[in-house]
């Protein structure tokens, strides 16, 4: 996935307007549009950092340097105001159990 596609997907999933993103990171609306269309190829590191912070993901995830596996978890935990990097092992196990239960329920629902 390209940076442009990733930025568009993040903005749409957050239900944010181009203007809202632009205001949050301190650039113009046309600049965000150009980034999402792939017309701006080399955004500054500072802008990328601001975008990653705005979307609540790592810079690596934003620019496609990781597999994306942790991205969803980080966003999920952020939405629940959990600090994923500082959870105890017991808390991690509780969350894992809850996710496994949710996965089983989803599979069950899909099979009916």
PDB file of N, CA and C in Angstrom:
ATOM      1  N   UNK A   1       0.854  -1.172   0.000  1.00  0.00           N
ATOM      2  CA  UNK A   1       0.000   0.000   0.000  1.00  0.00           C
ATOM      3  C   UNK A   1       0.903   1.239   0.000  1.00  0.00           C
ATOM      4  N   UNK A   2       0.550   2.200  -0.789  1.00  0.00           N
ATOM      5  CA  UNK A   2       1.339   3.428  -0.860  1.00  0.00           C
ATOM      6  C   UNK A   2       1.012   4.349   0.305  1.00  0.00           C
ATOM      7  N   UNK A   3       1.886   5.313   0.527  1.00  0.00           N
ATOM      8  CA  UNK A   3       1.625   6.309   1.565  1.00  0.00           C
ATOM      9  C   UNK A   3       0.323   7.040   1.269  1.00  0.00           C
ATOM     10  N   UNK A   4       0.113   7.381   0.016  1.00  0.00           N
ATOM     11  CA  UNK A   4      -1.114   8.096  -0.376  1.00  0.00           C
ATOM     12  C   UNK A   4      -2.350   7.276  -0.010  1.00  0.00           C
ATOM     13  N   UNK A   5      -2.334   5.998  -0.338  1.00  0.00           N
ATOM     14  CA  UNK A   5      -3.471   5.128  -0.030  1.00  0.00           C
ATOM     15  C   UNK A   5      -3.660   4.995   1.482  1.00  0.00           C
ATOM     16  N   UNK A   6      -2.553   4.849   2.191  1.00  0.00           N
ATOM     17  CA  UNK A   6      -2.616   4.702   3.647  1.00  0.00           C
ATOM     18  C   UNK A   6      -3.215   5.948   4.286  1.00  0.00           C
ATOM     19  N   UNK A   7      -2.772   7.121   3.838  1.00  0.00           N
ATOM     20  CA  UNK A   7      -3.296   8.378   4.392  1.00  0.00           C
ATOM     21  C   UNK A   7      -4.790   8.513   4.140  1.00  0.00           C
ATOM     22  N   UNK A   8      -5.209   8.167   2.943  1.00  0.00           N
ATOM     23  CA  UNK A   8      -6.634   8.242   2.618  1.00  0.00           C
ATOM     24  C   UNK A   8      -7.432   7.284   3.484  1.00  0.00           C
ATOM     25  N   UNK A   9      -6.941   6.052   3.606  1.00  0.00           N
ATOM     26  CA  UNK A   9      -7.633   5.048   4.413  1.00  0.00           C
ATOM     27  C   UNK A   9      -7.741   5.484   5.876  1.00  0.00           C
ATOM     28  N   UNK A  10      -6.664   6.023   6.412  1.00  0.00           N
ATOM     29  CA  UNK A  10      -6.672   6.486   7.802  1.00  0.00           C
ATOM     30  C   UNK A  10      -7.674   7.615   8.006  1.00  0.00           C
ATOM     31  N   UNK A  11      -7.679   8.566   7.080  1.00  0.00           N
ATOM     32  CA  UNK A  11      -8.584   9.715   7.210  1.00  0.00           C
ATOM     33  C   UNK A  11     -10.038   9.270   7.117  1.00  0.00           C
ATOM     34  N   UNK A  12     -10.321   8.405   6.173  1.00  0.00           N
ATOM     35  CA  UNK A  12     -11.697   7.930   5.995  1.00  0.00           C
ATOM     36  C   UNK A  12     -12.139   7.126   7.209  1.00  0.00           C
ATOM     37  N   UNK A  13     -11.251   6.265   7.725  1.00  0.00           N
ATOM     38  CA  UNK A  13     -11.639   5.460   8.881  1.00  0.00           C
ATOM     39  C   UNK A  13     -11.852   6.321  10.122  1.00  0.00           C
ATOM     40  N   UNK A  14     -11.168   7.443  10.191  1.00  0.00           N
ATOM     41  CA  UNK A  14     -11.342   8.369  11.311  1.00  0.00           C
ATOM     42  C   UNK A  14     -12.541   9.293  11.085  1.00  0.00           C
ATOM     43  N   UNK A  15     -13.091   9.244   9.865  1.00  0.00           N
ATOM     44  CA  UNK A  15     -14.211  10.105   9.470  1.00  0.00           C
ATOM     45  C   UNK A  15     -13.853  11.581   9.611  1.00  0.00           C
ATOM     46  N   UNK A  16     -12.631  11.891   9.195  1.00  0.00           N
ATOM     47  CA  UNK A  16     -12.136  13.262   9.267  1.00  0.00           C
ATOM     48  C   UNK A  16     -12.130  13.876   7.866  1.00  0.00           C
ATOM     49  N   UNK A  17     -12.356  15.156   7.814  1.00  0.00           N
ATOM     50  CA  UNK A  17     -12.287  15.860   6.541  1.00  0.00           C
ATOM     51  C   UNK A  17     -10.835  16.206   6.235  1.00  0.00           C
ATOM     52  N   UNK A  18     -10.580  16.532   4.979  1.00  0.00           N
ATOM     53  CA  UNK A  18      -9.244  16.998   4.605  1.00  0.00           C
ATOM     54  C   UNK A  18      -8.867  18.217   5.442  1.00  0.00           C
ATOM     55  N   UNK A  19      -9.826  19.106   5.644  1.00  0.00           N
ATOM     56  CA  UNK A  19      -9.563  20.326   6.408  1.00  0.00           C
ATOM     57  C   UNK A  19      -9.227  20.015   7.856  1.00  0.00           C
ATOM     58  N   UNK A  20      -9.936  19.055   8.450  1.00  0.00           N
ATOM     59  CA  UNK A  20      -9.666  18.688   9.841  1.00  0.00           C
ATOM     60  C   UNK A  20      -8.243  18.158  10.002  1.00  0.00           C
ATOM     61  N   UNK A  21      -7.820  17.317   9.067  1.00  0.00           N
ATOM     62  CA  UNK A  21      -6.454  16.786   9.113  1.00  0.00           C
ATOM     63  C   UNK A  21      -5.456  17.918   8.930  1.00  0.00           C
ATOM     64  N   UNK A  22      -5.708  18.751   7.936  1.00  0.00           N
ATOM     65  CA  UNK A  22      -4.805  19.867   7.662  1.00  0.00           C
ATOM     66  C   UNK A  22      -4.657  20.773   8.881  1.00  0.00           C
ATOM     67  N   UNK A  23      -5.767  21.106   9.506  1.00  0.00           N
ATOM     68  CA  UNK A  23      -5.728  21.955  10.704  1.00  0.00           C
ATOM     69  C   UNK A  23      -4.951  21.292  11.830  1.00  0.00           C
ATOM     70  N   UNK A  24      -5.138  19.991  11.996  1.00  0.00           N
ATOM     71  CA  UNK A  24      -4.498  19.262  13.090  1.00  0.00           C
ATOM     72  C   UNK A  24      -2.983  19.195  12.937  1.00  0.00           C
ATOM     73  N   UNK A  25      -2.516  19.129  11.700  1.00  0.00           N
ATOM     74  CA  UNK A  25      -1.069  18.982  11.485  1.00  0.00           C
ATOM     75  C   UNK A  25      -0.403  20.261  10.995  1.00  0.00           C
ATOM     76  N   UNK A  26      -1.187  21.310  10.801  1.00  0.00           N
ATOM     77  CA  UNK A  26      -0.612  22.613  10.476  1.00  0.00           C
ATOM     78  C   UNK A  26      -0.179  22.814   9.042  1.00  0.00           C
ATOM     79  N   UNK A  27      -0.925  22.206   8.111  1.00  0.00           N
ATOM     80  CA  UNK A  27      -0.654  22.445   6.688  1.00  0.00           C
ATOM     81  C   UNK A  27      -1.974  22.808   6.006  1.00  0.00           C
ATOM     82  N   UNK A  28      -1.904  23.079   4.722  1.00  0.00           N
ATOM     83  CA  UNK A  28      -3.117  23.456   4.003  1.00  0.00           C
ATOM     84  C   UNK A  28      -3.914  22.216   3.569  1.00  0.00           C
ATOM     85  N   UNK A  29      -5.189  22.442   3.359  1.00  0.00           N
ATOM     86  CA  UNK A  29      -6.065  21.379   2.863  1.00  0.00           C
ATOM     87  C   UNK A  29      -5.567  20.852   1.511  1.00  0.00           C
ATOM     88  N   UNK A  30      -5.169  21.733   0.563  1.00  0.00           N
ATOM     89  CA  UNK A  30      -4.656  21.223  -0.713  1.00  0.00           C
ATOM     90  C   UNK A  30      -3.404  20.342  -0.537  1.00  0.00           C
ATOM     91  N   UNK A  31      -2.588  20.652   0.477  1.00  0.00           N
ATOM     92  CA  UNK A  31      -1.388  19.844   0.692  1.00  0.00           C
ATOM     93  C   UNK A  31      -1.763  18.429   1.123  1.00  0.00           C
ATOM     94  N   UNK A  32      -2.752  18.292   1.993  1.00  0.00           N
ATOM     95  CA  UNK A  32      -3.224  16.960   2.412  1.00  0.00           C
ATOM     96  C   UNK A  32      -3.812  16.233   1.208  1.00  0.00           C
ATOM     97  N   UNK A  33      -4.575  16.945   0.397  1.00  0.00           N
ATOM     98  CA  UNK A  33      -5.160  16.344  -0.807  1.00  0.00           C
ATOM     99  C   UNK A  33      -4.058  15.833  -1.729  1.00  0.00           C
ATOM    100  N   UNK A  34      -3.015  16.631  -1.926  1.00  0.00           N
ATOM    101  CA  UNK A  34      -1.897  16.222  -2.783  1.00  0.00           C
ATOM    102  C   UNK A  34      -1.193  14.982  -2.229  1.00  0.00           C
ATOM    103  N   UNK A  35      -1.042  14.926  -0.912  1.00  0.00           N
ATOM    104  CA  UNK A  35      -0.437  13.741  -0.287  1.00  0.00           C
ATOM    105  C   UNK A  35      -1.289  12.507  -0.540  1.00  0.00           C
ATOM    106  N   UNK A  36      -2.604  12.650  -0.381  1.00  0.00           N
ATOM    107  CA  UNK A  36      -3.505  11.515  -0.565  1.00  0.00           C
ATOM    108  C   UNK A  36      -3.610  11.082  -2.025  1.00  0.00           C
ATOM    109  N   UNK A  37      -3.357  11.980  -2.929  1.00  0.00           N
ATOM    110  CA  UNK A  37      -3.398  11.643  -4.357  1.00  0.00           C
ATOM    111  C   UNK A  37      -2.038  11.207  -4.885  1.00  0.00           C
ATOM    112  N   UNK A  38      -1.022  11.263  -4.047  1.00  0.00           N
ATOM    113  CA  UNK A  38       0.322  10.856  -4.460  1.00  0.00           C
ATOM    114  C   UNK A  38       1.044  11.892  -5.286  1.00  0.00           C
ATOM    115  N   UNK A  39       0.540  13.113  -5.266  1.00  0.00           N
ATOM    116  CA  UNK A  39       1.160  14.181  -6.052  1.00  0.00           C
ATOM    117  C   UNK A  39       2.370  14.779  -5.334  1.00  0.00           C
ATOM    118  N   UNK A  40       2.380  14.712  -4.018  1.00  0.00           N
ATOM    119  CA  UNK A  40       3.525  15.144  -3.224  1.00  0.00           C
ATOM    120  C   UNK A  40       4.258  13.880  -2.811  1.00  0.00           C
ATOM    121  N   UNK A  41       5.460  13.712  -3.320  1.00  0.00           N
ATOM    122  CA  UNK A  41       6.181  12.461  -3.127  1.00  0.00           C
ATOM    123  C   UNK A  41       7.088  12.446  -1.906  1.00  0.00           C
ATOM    124  N   UNK A  42       7.546  13.599  -1.442  1.00  0.00           N
ATOM    125  CA  UNK A  42       8.519  13.627  -0.353  1.00  0.00           C
ATOM    126  C   UNK A  42       8.094  14.556   0.772  1.00  0.00           C
ATOM    127  N   UNK A  43       7.082  14.159   1.553  1.00  0.00           N
ATOM    128  CA  UNK A  43       6.691  15.006   2.687  1.00  0.00           C
ATOM    129  C   UNK A  43       7.813  15.034   3.720  1.00  0.00           C
ATOM    130  N   UNK A  44       7.874  16.102   4.469  1.00  0.00           N
ATOM    131  CA  UNK A  44       8.925  16.226   5.476  1.00  0.00           C
ATOM    132  C   UNK A  44       8.725  15.217   6.599  1.00  0.00           C
ATOM    133  N   UNK A  45       9.809  14.889   7.254  1.00  0.00           N
ATOM    134  CA  UNK A  45       9.739  13.980   8.395  1.00  0.00           C
ATOM    135  C   UNK A  45       8.856  14.582   9.482  1.00  0.00           C
ATOM    136  N   UNK A  46       8.950  15.875   9.668  1.00  0.00           N
ATOM    137  CA  UNK A  46       8.137  16.553  10.681  1.00  0.00           C
ATOM    138  C   UNK A  46       6.644  16.383  10.389  1.00  0.00           C
ATOM    139  N   UNK A  47       6.262  16.532   9.135  1.00  0.00           N
ATOM    140  CA  UNK A  47       4.853  16.358   8.761  1.00  0.00           C
ATOM    141  C   UNK A  47       4.421  14.905   8.969  1.00  0.00           C
ATOM    142  N   UNK A  48       5.273  13.963   8.591  1.00  0.00           N
ATOM    143  CA  UNK A  48       4.935  12.554   8.788  1.00  0.00           C
ATOM    144  C   UNK A  48       4.751  12.235  10.265  1.00  0.00           C
ATOM    145  N   UNK A  49       5.597  12.795  11.114  1.00  0.00           N
ATOM    146  CA  UNK A  49       5.453  12.594  12.558  1.00  0.00           C
ATOM    147  C   UNK A  49       4.109  13.132  13.040  1.00  0.00           C
ATOM    148  N   UNK A  50       3.751  14.319  12.585  1.00  0.00           N
ATOM    149  CA  UNK A  50       2.484  14.925  12.994  1.00  0.00           C
ATOM    150  C   UNK A  50       1.302  14.087  12.524  1.00  0.00           C
ATOM    151  N   UNK A  51       1.382  13.569  11.308  1.00  0.00           N
ATOM    152  CA  UNK A  51       0.300  12.725  10.792  1.00  0.00           C
ATOM    153  C   UNK A  51       0.190  11.423  11.586  1.00  0.00           C
ATOM    154  N   UNK A  52       1.319  10.820  11.910  1.00  0.00           N
ATOM    155  CA  UNK A  52       1.298   9.591  12.702  1.00  0.00           C
ATOM    156  C   UNK A  52       0.672   9.848  14.068  1.00  0.00           C
ATOM    157  N   UNK A  53       1.047  10.953  14.694  1.00  0.00           N
ATOM    158  CA  UNK A  53       0.461  11.302  15.994  1.00  0.00           C
ATOM    159  C   UNK A  53      -1.041  11.547  15.871  1.00  0.00           C
ATOM    160  N   UNK A  54      -1.432  12.258  14.839  1.00  0.00           N
ATOM    161  CA  UNK A  54      -2.848  12.563  14.630  1.00  0.00           C
ATOM    162  C   UNK A  54      -3.662  11.271  14.495  1.00  0.00           C
ATOM    163  N   UNK A  55      -3.116  10.311  13.740  1.00  0.00           N
ATOM    164  CA  UNK A  55      -3.848   9.072  13.508  1.00  0.00           C
ATOM    165  C   UNK A  55      -3.613   8.030  14.602  1.00  0.00           C
ATOM    166  N   UNK A  56      -2.724   8.332  15.540  1.00  0.00           N
ATOM    167  CA  UNK A  56      -2.492   7.423  16.653  1.00  0.00           C
ATOM    168  C   UNK A  56      -1.775   6.145  16.267  1.00  0.00           C
ATOM    169  N   UNK A  57      -0.882   6.237  15.284  1.00  0.00           N
ATOM    170  CA  UNK A  57      -0.115   5.073  14.859  1.00  0.00           C
ATOM    171  C   UNK A  57       1.367   5.412  14.892  1.00  0.00           C
ATOM    172  N   UNK A  58       2.185   4.403  14.721  1.00  0.00           N
ATOM    173  CA  UNK A  58       3.623   4.644  14.694  1.00  0.00           C
ATOM    174  C   UNK A  58       4.023   5.218  13.342  1.00  0.00           C
ATOM    175  N   UNK A  59       5.147   5.888  13.343  1.00  0.00           N
ATOM    176  CA  UNK A  59       5.691   6.416  12.092  1.00  0.00           C
ATOM    177  C   UNK A  59       6.001   5.265  11.138  1.00  0.00           C
ATOM    178  N   UNK A  60       6.528   4.167  11.673  1.00  0.00           N
ATOM    179  CA  UNK A  60       6.807   2.993  10.833  1.00  0.00           C
ATOM    180  C   UNK A  60       5.543   2.496  10.138  1.00  0.00           C
ATOM    181  N   UNK A  61       4.441   2.450  10.869  1.00  0.00           N
ATOM    182  CA  UNK A  61       3.178   2.008  10.270  1.00  0.00           C
ATOM    183  C   UNK A  61       2.714   2.965   9.189  1.00  0.00           C
ATOM    184  N   UNK A  62       2.868   4.238   9.460  1.00  0.00           N
ATOM    185  CA  UNK A  62       2.422   5.246   8.496  1.00  0.00           C
ATOM    186  C   UNK A  62       3.157   5.105   7.173  1.00  0.00           C
ATOM    187  N   UNK A  63       4.450   4.904   7.233  1.00  0.00           N
ATOM    188  CA  UNK A  63       5.238   4.846   5.996  1.00  0.00           C
ATOM    189  C   UNK A  63       5.406   3.433   5.463  1.00  0.00           C
ATOM    190  N   UNK A  64       4.763   2.444   6.114  1.00  0.00           N
ATOM    191  CA  UNK A  64       4.758   1.094   5.592  1.00  0.00           C
ATOM    192  C   UNK A  64       5.997   0.275   5.904  1.00  0.00           C
ATOM    193  N   UNK A  65       6.685   0.592   7.000  1.00  0.00           N
ATOM    194  CA  UNK A  65       7.883  -0.163   7.354  1.00  0.00           C
ATOM    195  C   UNK A  65       7.606  -1.361   8.245  1.00  0.00           C
ATOM    196  N   UNK A  66       6.391  -1.493   8.732  1.00  0.00           N
ATOM    197  CA  UNK A  66       6.061  -2.684   9.508  1.00  0.00           C
ATOM    198  C   UNK A  66       4.953  -3.431   8.798  1.00  0.00           C
ATOM    199  N   UNK A  67       4.635  -4.582   9.322  1.00  0.00           N
ATOM    200  CA  UNK A  67       3.642  -5.435   8.670  1.00  0.00           C
ATOM    201  C   UNK A  67       2.224  -4.926   8.868  1.00  0.00           C
ATOM    202  N   UNK A  68       2.051  -3.973   9.790  1.00  0.00           N
ATOM    203  CA  UNK A  68       0.716  -3.469  10.065  1.00  0.00           C
ATOM    204  C   UNK A  68      -0.009  -4.254  11.126  1.00  0.00           C
ATOM    205  N   UNK A  69       0.610  -5.358  11.589  1.00  0.00           N
ATOM    206  CA  UNK A  69      -0.065  -6.184  12.579  1.00  0.00           C
ATOM    207  C   UNK A  69      -0.310  -5.426  13.865  1.00  0.00           C
ATOM    208  N   UNK A  70       0.633  -4.597  14.284  1.00  0.00           N
ATOM    209  CA  UNK A  70       0.471  -3.866  15.534  1.00  0.00           C
ATOM    210  C   UNK A  70      -0.377  -2.614  15.368  1.00  0.00           C
ATOM    211  N   UNK A  71      -0.513  -2.147  14.149  1.00  0.00           N
ATOM    212  CA  UNK A  71      -1.240  -0.904  13.928  1.00  0.00           C
ATOM    213  C   UNK A  71      -2.668  -0.990  14.445  1.00  0.00           C
ATOM    214  N   UNK A  72      -3.383  -2.029  14.051  1.00  0.00           N
ATOM    215  CA  UNK A  72      -4.768  -2.159  14.478  1.00  0.00           C
ATOM    216  C   UNK A  72      -4.866  -2.283  15.982  1.00  0.00           C
ATOM    217  N   UNK A  73      -3.951  -3.040  16.565  1.00  0.00           N
ATOM    218  CA  UNK A  73      -3.963  -3.213  18.018  1.00  0.00           C
ATOM    219  C   UNK A  73      -3.699  -1.888  18.708  1.00  0.00           C
ATOM    220  N   UNK A  74      -2.734  -1.131  18.212  1.00  0.00           N
ATOM    221  CA  UNK A  74      -2.439   0.156  18.835  1.00  0.00           C
ATOM    222  C   UNK A  74      -3.635   1.101  18.732  1.00  0.00           C
ATOM    223  N   UNK A  75      -4.288   1.114  17.578  1.00  0.00           N
ATOM    224  CA  UNK A  75      -5.465   1.969  17.416  1.00  0.00           C
ATOM    225  C   UNK A  75      -6.577   1.503  18.344  1.00  0.00           C
ATOM    226  N   UNK A  76      -6.802   0.197  18.409  1.00  0.00           N
ATOM    227  CA  UNK A  76      -7.842  -0.348  19.285  1.00  0.00           C
ATOM    228  C   UNK A  76      -7.567   0.026  20.735  1.00  0.00           C
ATOM    229  N   UNK A  77      -6.346  -0.177  21.178  1.00  0.00           N
ATOM    230  CA  UNK A  77      -6.021   0.127  22.567  1.00  0.00           C
ATOM    231  C   UNK A  77      -6.086   1.622  22.828  1.00  0.00           C
ATOM    232  N   UNK A  78      -5.700   2.432  21.853  1.00  0.00           N
ATOM    233  CA  UNK A  78      -5.799   3.882  22.016  1.00  0.00           C
ATOM    234  C   UNK A  78      -7.254   4.291  22.184  1.00  0.00           C
ATOM    235  N   UNK A  79      -8.136   3.684  21.378  1.00  0.00           N
ATOM    236  CA  UNK A  79      -9.554   4.018  21.472  1.00  0.00           C
ATOM    237  C   UNK A  79     -10.114   3.679  22.849  1.00  0.00           C
ATOM    238  N   UNK A  80      -9.565   2.639  23.470  1.00  0.00           N
ATOM    239  CA  UNK A  80      -9.989   2.266  24.810  1.00  0.00           C
ATOM    240  C   UNK A  80      -9.114   2.893  25.884  1.00  0.00           C
ATOM    241  N   UNK A  81      -8.250   3.809  25.459  1.00  0.00           N
ATOM    242  CA  UNK A  81      -7.353   4.535  26.349  1.00  0.00           C
ATOM    243  C   UNK A  81      -6.453   3.588  27.147  1.00  0.00           C
ATOM    244  N   UNK A  82      -5.953   2.554  26.458  1.00  0.00           N
ATOM    245  CA  UNK A  82      -4.997   1.632  27.059  1.00  0.00           C
ATOM    246  C   UNK A  82      -3.619   1.913  26.479  1.00  0.00           C
ATOM    247  N   UNK A  83      -2.629   1.893  27.311  1.00  0.00           N
ATOM    248  CA  UNK A  83      -1.255   2.090  26.867  1.00  0.00           C
ATOM    249  C   UNK A  83      -0.665   0.719  26.577  1.00  0.00           C
ATOM    250  N   UNK A  84      -0.745   0.292  25.335  1.00  0.00           N
ATOM    251  CA  UNK A  84      -0.363  -1.063  24.945  1.00  0.00           C
ATOM    252  C   UNK A  84       1.080  -1.391  25.311  1.00  0.00           C
ATOM    253  N   UNK A  85       1.950  -0.404  25.282  1.00  0.00           N
ATOM    254  CA  UNK A  85       3.359  -0.657  25.558  1.00  0.00           C
ATOM    255  C   UNK A  85       3.644  -0.859  27.037  1.00  0.00           C
ATOM    256  N   UNK A  86       2.714  -0.491  27.902  1.00  0.00           N
ATOM    257  CA  UNK A  86       2.946  -0.594  29.340  1.00  0.00           C
ATOM    258  C   UNK A  86       1.939  -1.487  30.062  1.00  0.00           C
ATOM    259  N   UNK A  87       1.348  -2.424  29.334  1.00  0.00           N
ATOM    260  CA  UNK A  87       0.413  -3.355  29.963  1.00  0.00           C
ATOM    261  C   UNK A  87       1.176  -4.457  30.685  1.00  0.00           C
ATOM    262  N   UNK A  88       0.633  -4.897  31.802  1.00  0.00           N
ATOM    263  CA  UNK A  88       1.235  -6.030  32.512  1.00  0.00           C
ATOM    264  C   UNK A  88       0.941  -7.306  31.730  1.00  0.00           C
ATOM    265  N   UNK A  89       1.678  -8.353  32.036  1.00  0.00           N
ATOM    266  CA  UNK A  89       1.455  -9.633  31.366  1.00  0.00           C
ATOM    267  C   UNK A  89       0.046 -10.155  31.654  1.00  0.00           C
ATOM    268  N   UNK A  90      -0.432  -9.934  32.877  1.00  0.00           N
ATOM    269  CA  UNK A  90      -1.791 -10.353  33.237  1.00  0.00           C
ATOM    270  C   UNK A  90      -2.829  -9.598  32.399  1.00  0.00           C
ATOM    271  N   UNK A  91      -2.624  -8.289  32.225  1.00  0.00           N
ATOM    272  CA  UNK A  91      -3.541  -7.497  31.405  1.00  0.00           C
ATOM    273  C   UNK A  91      -3.503  -7.953  29.950  1.00  0.00           C
ATOM    274  N   UNK A  92      -2.313  -8.238  29.449  1.00  0.00           N
ATOM    275  CA  UNK A  92      -2.188  -8.729  28.066  1.00  0.00           C
ATOM    276  C   UNK A  92      -2.945 -10.046  27.894  1.00  0.00           C
ATOM    277  N   UNK A  93      -2.835 -10.943  28.884  1.00  0.00           N
ATOM    278  CA  UNK A  93      -3.516 -12.224  28.808  1.00  0.00           C
ATOM    279  C   UNK A  93      -5.034 -12.039  28.851  1.00  0.00           C
ATOM    280  N   UNK A  94      -5.502 -11.117  29.672  1.00  0.00           N
ATOM    281  CA  UNK A  94      -6.942 -10.829  29.750  1.00  0.00           C
ATOM    282  C   UNK A  94      -7.454 -10.342  28.398  1.00  0.00           C
ATOM    283  N   UNK A  95      -6.714  -9.450  27.790  1.00  0.00           N
ATOM    284  CA  UNK A  95      -7.112  -8.918  26.478  1.00  0.00           C
ATOM    285  C   UNK A  95      -7.055 -10.014  25.428  1.00  0.00           C
ATOM    286  N   UNK A  96      -6.008 -10.836  25.458  1.00  0.00           N
ATOM    287  CA  UNK A  96      -5.900 -11.945  24.506  1.00  0.00           C
ATOM    288  C   UNK A  96      -7.101 -12.875  24.636  1.00  0.00           C
ATOM    289  N   UNK A  97      -7.471 -13.219  25.862  1.00  0.00           N
ATOM    290  CA  UNK A  97      -8.627 -14.090  26.080  1.00  0.00           C
ATOM    291  C   UNK A  97      -9.905 -13.465  25.536  1.00  0.00           C
ATOM    292  N   UNK A  98     -10.082 -12.181  25.764  1.00  0.00           N
ATOM    293  CA  UNK A  98     -11.277 -11.489  25.271  1.00  0.00           C
ATOM    294  C   UNK A  98     -11.309 -11.487  23.741  1.00  0.00           C
ATOM    295  N   UNK A  99     -10.156 -11.268  23.122  1.00  0.00           N
ATOM    296  CA  UNK A  99     -10.093 -11.268  21.660  1.00  0.00           C
ATOM    297  C   UNK A  99     -10.357 -12.655  21.091  1.00  0.00           C
ATOM    298  N   UNK A 100      -9.842 -13.677  21.752  1.00  0.00           N
ATOM    299  CA  UNK A 100     -10.111 -15.046  21.300  1.00  0.00           C
ATOM    300  C   UNK A 100     -11.595 -15.372  21.396  1.00  0.00           C
ATOM    301  N   UNK A 101     -12.235 -14.908  22.456  1.00  0.00           N
ATOM    302  CA  UNK A 101     -13.666 -15.121  22.606  1.00  0.00           C
ATOM    303  C   UNK A 101     -14.436 -14.373  21.509  1.00  0.00           C
ATOM    304  N   UNK A 102     -14.024 -13.159  21.248  1.00  0.00           N
ATOM    305  CA  UNK A 102     -14.676 -12.378  20.189  1.00  0.00           C
ATOM    306  C   UNK A 102     -14.486 -13.060  18.837  1.00  0.00           C
ATOM    307  N   UNK A 103     -13.291 -13.551  18.581  1.00  0.00           N
ATOM    308  CA  UNK A 103     -13.020 -14.246  17.324  1.00  0.00           C
ATOM    309  C   UNK A 103     -13.913 -15.472  17.168  1.00  0.00           C
ATOM    310  N   UNK A 104     -14.068 -16.238  18.242  1.00  0.00           N
ATOM    311  CA  UNK A 104     -14.918 -17.428  18.199  1.00  0.00           C
ATOM    312  C   UNK A 104     -16.373 -17.045  17.928  1.00  0.00           C
ATOM    313  N   UNK A 105     -16.841 -15.993  18.547  1.00  0.00           N
ATOM    314  CA  UNK A 105     -18.229 -15.543  18.315  1.00  0.00           C
ATOM    315  C   UNK A 105     -18.434 -15.089  16.884  1.00  0.00           C
ATOM    316  N   UNK A 106     -17.443 -14.400  16.331  1.00  0.00           N
ATOM    317  CA  UNK A 106     -17.531 -13.933  14.943  1.00  0.00           C
ATOM    318  C   UNK A 106     -17.574 -15.128  13.993  1.00  0.00           C
ATOM    319  N   UNK A 107     -16.691 -16.103  14.216  1.00  0.00           N
ATOM    320  CA  UNK A 107     -16.689 -17.304  13.370  1.00  0.00           C
ATOM    321  C   UNK A 107     -18.010 -18.043  13.467  1.00  0.00           C
ATOM    322  N   UNK A 108     -18.550 -18.127  14.676  1.00  0.00           N
ATOM    323  CA  UNK A 108     -19.828 -18.803  14.887  1.00  0.00           C
ATOM    324  C   UNK A 108     -20.929 -18.082  14.126  1.00  0.00           C
ATOM    325  N   UNK A 109     -20.938 -16.779  14.200  1.00  0.00           N
ATOM    326  CA  UNK A 109     -21.975 -15.982  13.515  1.00  0.00           C
ATOM    327  C   UNK A 109     -21.862 -16.134  12.006  1.00  0.00           C
ATOM    328  N   UNK A 110     -20.635 -16.179  11.493  1.00  0.00           N
ATOM    329  CA  UNK A 110     -20.446 -16.323  10.045  1.00  0.00           C
ATOM    330  C   UNK A 110     -20.878 -17.693   9.539  1.00  0.00           C
ATOM    331  N   UNK A 111     -20.786 -18.689  10.411  1.00  0.00           N
ATOM    332  CA  UNK A 111     -21.132 -20.054   9.978  1.00  0.00           C
ATOM    333  C   UNK A 111     -22.640 -20.314  10.002  1.00  0.00           C
ATOM    334  N   UNK A 112     -23.408 -19.420  10.601  1.00  0.00           N
ATOM    335  CA  UNK A 112     -24.856 -19.656  10.648  1.00  0.00           C
ATOM    336  C   UNK A 112     -25.568 -18.928   9.548  1.00  0.00           C
TER     337      UNK A 112
END
